[in-house]
Amino acid sequence: MNRPGRASARRSGRDYTAVALIGAGLAVLALALLLVGIP
């Protein structure tokens, strides 16, 4: 009975930060496109 709970929990830190950085990047790109598209 080997559960990957510890591995996933220990690995969720990097995954969460990576997803946060990617999400922030996409948000910045979306805002830039909106600002450029307004004028």
PDB file of N, CA and C in Angstrom:
ATOM      1  N   MET A   1       0.855  -1.200   0.000  1.00  0.00           N
ATOM      2  CA  MET A   1       0.000   0.000   0.000  1.00  0.00           C
ATOM      3  C   MET A   1       0.888   1.246   0.000  1.00  0.00           C
ATOM      4  N   ASN A   2       1.311   1.617  -1.158  1.00  0.00           N
ATOM      5  CA  ASN A   2       2.174   2.794  -1.268  1.00  0.00           C
ATOM      6  C   ASN A   2       1.387   3.941  -1.883  1.00  0.00           C
ATOM      7  N   ARG A   3       1.068   4.917  -1.067  1.00  0.00           N
ATOM      8  CA  ARG A   3       0.286   6.055  -1.572  1.00  0.00           C
ATOM      9  C   ARG A   3       1.210   7.207  -1.965  1.00  0.00           C
ATOM     10  N   PRO A   4       0.989   7.807  -3.127  1.00  0.00           N
ATOM     11  CA  PRO A   4       1.810   8.939  -3.585  1.00  0.00           C
ATOM     12  C   PRO A   4       1.392  10.248  -2.921  1.00  0.00           C
ATOM     13  N   GLY A   5       0.776  10.155  -1.754  1.00  0.00           N
ATOM     14  CA  GLY A   5       0.298  11.356  -1.069  1.00  0.00           C
ATOM     15  C   GLY A   5       1.450  12.266  -0.677  1.00  0.00           C
ATOM     16  N   ARG A   6       2.486  11.677  -0.043  1.00  0.00           N
ATOM     17  CA  ARG A   6       3.630  12.499   0.370  1.00  0.00           C
ATOM     18  C   ARG A   6       4.338  13.086  -0.837  1.00  0.00           C
ATOM     19  N   ALA A   7       4.512  12.284  -1.869  1.00  0.00           N
ATOM     20  CA  ALA A   7       5.215  12.749  -3.072  1.00  0.00           C
ATOM     21  C   ALA A   7       4.458  13.911  -3.704  1.00  0.00           C
ATOM     22  N   SER A   8       3.146  13.748  -3.852  1.00  0.00           N
ATOM     23  CA  SER A   8       2.348  14.803  -4.486  1.00  0.00           C
ATOM     24  C   SER A   8       2.332  16.059  -3.611  1.00  0.00           C
ATOM     25  N   ALA A   9       2.225  15.867  -2.306  1.00  0.00           N
ATOM     26  CA  ALA A   9       2.187  17.012  -1.393  1.00  0.00           C
ATOM     27  C   ALA A   9       3.529  17.745  -1.413  1.00  0.00           C
ATOM     28  N   ARG A  10       4.597  16.967  -1.457  1.00  0.00           N
ATOM     29  CA  ARG A  10       5.934  17.565  -1.472  1.00  0.00           C
ATOM     30  C   ARG A  10       6.222  18.199  -2.828  1.00  0.00           C
ATOM     31  N   ARG A  11       5.534  17.708  -3.839  1.00  0.00           N
ATOM     32  CA  ARG A  11       5.765  18.181  -5.199  1.00  0.00           C
ATOM     33  C   ARG A  11       4.799  19.311  -5.551  1.00  0.00           C
ATOM     34  N   SER A  12       3.710  19.433  -4.802  1.00  0.00           N
ATOM     35  CA  SER A  12       2.685  20.434  -5.109  1.00  0.00           C
ATOM     36  C   SER A  12       3.245  21.854  -4.965  1.00  0.00           C
ATOM     37  N   GLY A  13       4.256  22.016  -4.132  1.00  0.00           N
ATOM     38  CA  GLY A  13       4.837  23.343  -3.941  1.00  0.00           C
ATOM     39  C   GLY A  13       5.388  23.901  -5.238  1.00  0.00           C
ATOM     40  N   ARG A  14       6.242  23.122  -5.900  1.00  0.00           N
ATOM     41  CA  ARG A  14       6.819  23.579  -7.165  1.00  0.00           C
ATOM     42  C   ARG A  14       5.740  23.721  -8.226  1.00  0.00           C
ATOM     43  N   ASP A  15       4.836  22.753  -8.291  1.00  0.00           N
ATOM     44  CA  ASP A  15       3.771  22.797  -9.297  1.00  0.00           C
ATOM     45  C   ASP A  15       2.921  24.052  -9.108  1.00  0.00           C
ATOM     46  N   TYR A  16       2.582  24.358  -7.836  1.00  0.00           N
ATOM     47  CA  TYR A  16       1.735  25.523  -7.568  1.00  0.00           C
ATOM     48  C   TYR A  16       2.438  26.813  -7.983  1.00  0.00           C
ATOM     49  N   THR A  17       3.712  26.927  -7.655  1.00  0.00           N
ATOM     50  CA  THR A  17       4.455  28.142  -8.016  1.00  0.00           C
ATOM     51  C   THR A  17       4.582  28.250  -9.529  1.00  0.00           C
ATOM     52  N   ALA A  18       4.819  27.118 -10.193  1.00  0.00           N
ATOM     53  CA  ALA A  18       4.936  27.124 -11.660  1.00  0.00           C
ATOM     54  C   ALA A  18       3.621  27.566 -12.284  1.00  0.00           C
ATOM     55  N   VAL A  19       2.514  26.999 -11.798  1.00  0.00           N
ATOM     56  CA  VAL A  19       1.192  27.358 -12.328  1.00  0.00           C
ATOM     57  C   VAL A  19       0.903  28.828 -12.057  1.00  0.00           C
ATOM     58  N   ALA A  20       1.310  29.315 -10.877  1.00  0.00           N
ATOM     59  CA  ALA A  20       1.079  30.724 -10.532  1.00  0.00           C
ATOM     60  C   ALA A  20       1.865  31.636 -11.473  1.00  0.00           C
ATOM     61  N   LEU A  21       3.121  31.276 -11.736  1.00  0.00           N
ATOM     62  CA  LEU A  21       3.946  32.094 -12.641  1.00  0.00           C
ATOM     63  C   LEU A  21       3.373  32.083 -14.053  1.00  0.00           C
ATOM     64  N   ILE A  22       2.960  30.905 -14.517  1.00  0.00           N
ATOM     65  CA  ILE A  22       2.378  30.801 -15.865  1.00  0.00           C
ATOM     66  C   ILE A  22       1.076  31.601 -15.929  1.00  0.00           C
ATOM     67  N   GLY A  23       0.246  31.481 -14.891  1.00  0.00           N
ATOM     68  CA  GLY A  23      -1.022  32.221 -14.859  1.00  0.00           C
ATOM     69  C   GLY A  23      -0.772  33.722 -14.858  1.00  0.00           C
ATOM     70  N   ALA A  24       0.219  34.171 -14.092  1.00  0.00           N
ATOM     71  CA  ALA A  24       0.540  35.600 -14.053  1.00  0.00           C
ATOM     72  C   ALA A  24       1.024  36.065 -15.422  1.00  0.00           C
ATOM     73  N   GLY A  25       1.847  35.260 -16.065  1.00  0.00           N
ATOM     74  CA  GLY A  25       2.353  35.612 -17.393  1.00  0.00           C
ATOM     75  C   GLY A  25       1.221  35.734 -18.395  1.00  0.00           C
ATOM     76  N   LEU A  26       0.300  34.771 -18.364  1.00  0.00           N
ATOM     77  CA  LEU A  26      -0.842  34.812 -19.285  1.00  0.00           C
ATOM     78  C   LEU A  26      -1.708  36.028 -18.993  1.00  0.00           C
ATOM     79  N   ALA A  27      -1.882  36.356 -17.714  1.00  0.00           N
ATOM     80  CA  ALA A  27      -2.695  37.514 -17.338  1.00  0.00           C
ATOM     81  C   ALA A  27      -2.051  38.795 -17.861  1.00  0.00           C
ATOM     82  N   VAL A  28      -0.731  38.913 -17.722  1.00  0.00           N
ATOM     83  CA  VAL A  28      -0.015  40.104 -18.212  1.00  0.00           C
ATOM     84  C   VAL A  28      -0.145  40.210 -19.725  1.00  0.00           C
ATOM     85  N   LEU A  29      -0.002  39.081 -20.421  1.00  0.00           N
ATOM     86  CA  LEU A  29      -0.132  39.087 -21.885  1.00  0.00           C
ATOM     87  C   LEU A  29      -1.544  39.494 -22.284  1.00  0.00           C
ATOM     88  N   ALA A  30      -2.542  38.981 -21.572  1.00  0.00           N
ATOM     89  CA  ALA A  30      -3.937  39.314 -21.883  1.00  0.00           C
ATOM     90  C   ALA A  30      -4.173  40.809 -21.672  1.00  0.00           C
ATOM     91  N   LEU A  31      -3.681  41.356 -20.561  1.00  0.00           N
ATOM     92  CA  LEU A  31      -3.845  42.789 -20.282  1.00  0.00           C
ATOM     93  C   LEU A  31      -3.127  43.620 -21.337  1.00  0.00           C
ATOM     94  N   ALA A  32      -1.945  43.191 -21.741  1.00  0.00           N
ATOM     95  CA  ALA A  32      -1.193  43.920 -22.769  1.00  0.00           C
ATOM     96  C   ALA A  32      -1.970  43.924 -24.086  1.00  0.00           C
ATOM     97  N   LEU A  33      -2.519  42.774 -24.452  1.00  0.00           N
ATOM     98  CA  LEU A  33      -3.296  42.690 -25.698  1.00  0.00           C
ATOM     99  C   LEU A  33      -4.527  43.587 -25.617  1.00  0.00           C
ATOM    100  N   LEU A  34      -5.169  43.621 -24.447  1.00  0.00           N
ATOM    101  CA  LEU A  34      -6.355  44.470 -24.283  1.00  0.00           C
ATOM    102  C   LEU A  34      -5.965  45.947 -24.392  1.00  0.00           C
ATOM    103  N   LEU A  35      -4.865  46.323 -23.731  1.00  0.00           N
ATOM    104  CA  LEU A  35      -4.424  47.724 -23.779  1.00  0.00           C
ATOM    105  C   LEU A  35      -4.046  48.124 -25.203  1.00  0.00           C
ATOM    106  N   VAL A  36      -3.411  47.225 -25.923  1.00  0.00           N
ATOM    107  CA  VAL A  36      -3.006  47.526 -27.301  1.00  0.00           C
ATOM    108  C   VAL A  36      -4.229  47.557 -28.211  1.00  0.00           C
ATOM    109  N   GLY A  37      -5.220  46.737 -27.896  1.00  0.00           N
ATOM    110  CA  GLY A  37      -6.400  46.651 -28.753  1.00  0.00           C
ATOM    111  C   GLY A  37      -7.382  47.792 -28.530  1.00  0.00           C
ATOM    112  N   ILE A  38      -7.301  48.475 -27.391  1.00  0.00           N
ATOM    113  CA  ILE A  38      -8.251  49.560 -27.103  1.00  0.00           C
ATOM    114  C   ILE A  38      -8.095  50.730 -28.081  1.00  0.00           C
ATOM    115  N   PRO A  39      -6.887  51.288 -28.261  1.00  0.00           N
ATOM    116  CA  PRO A  39      -6.722  52.420 -29.181  1.00  0.00           C
ATOM    117  C   PRO A  39      -6.755  51.943 -30.640  1.00  0.00           C
TER     118      PRO A  39
END
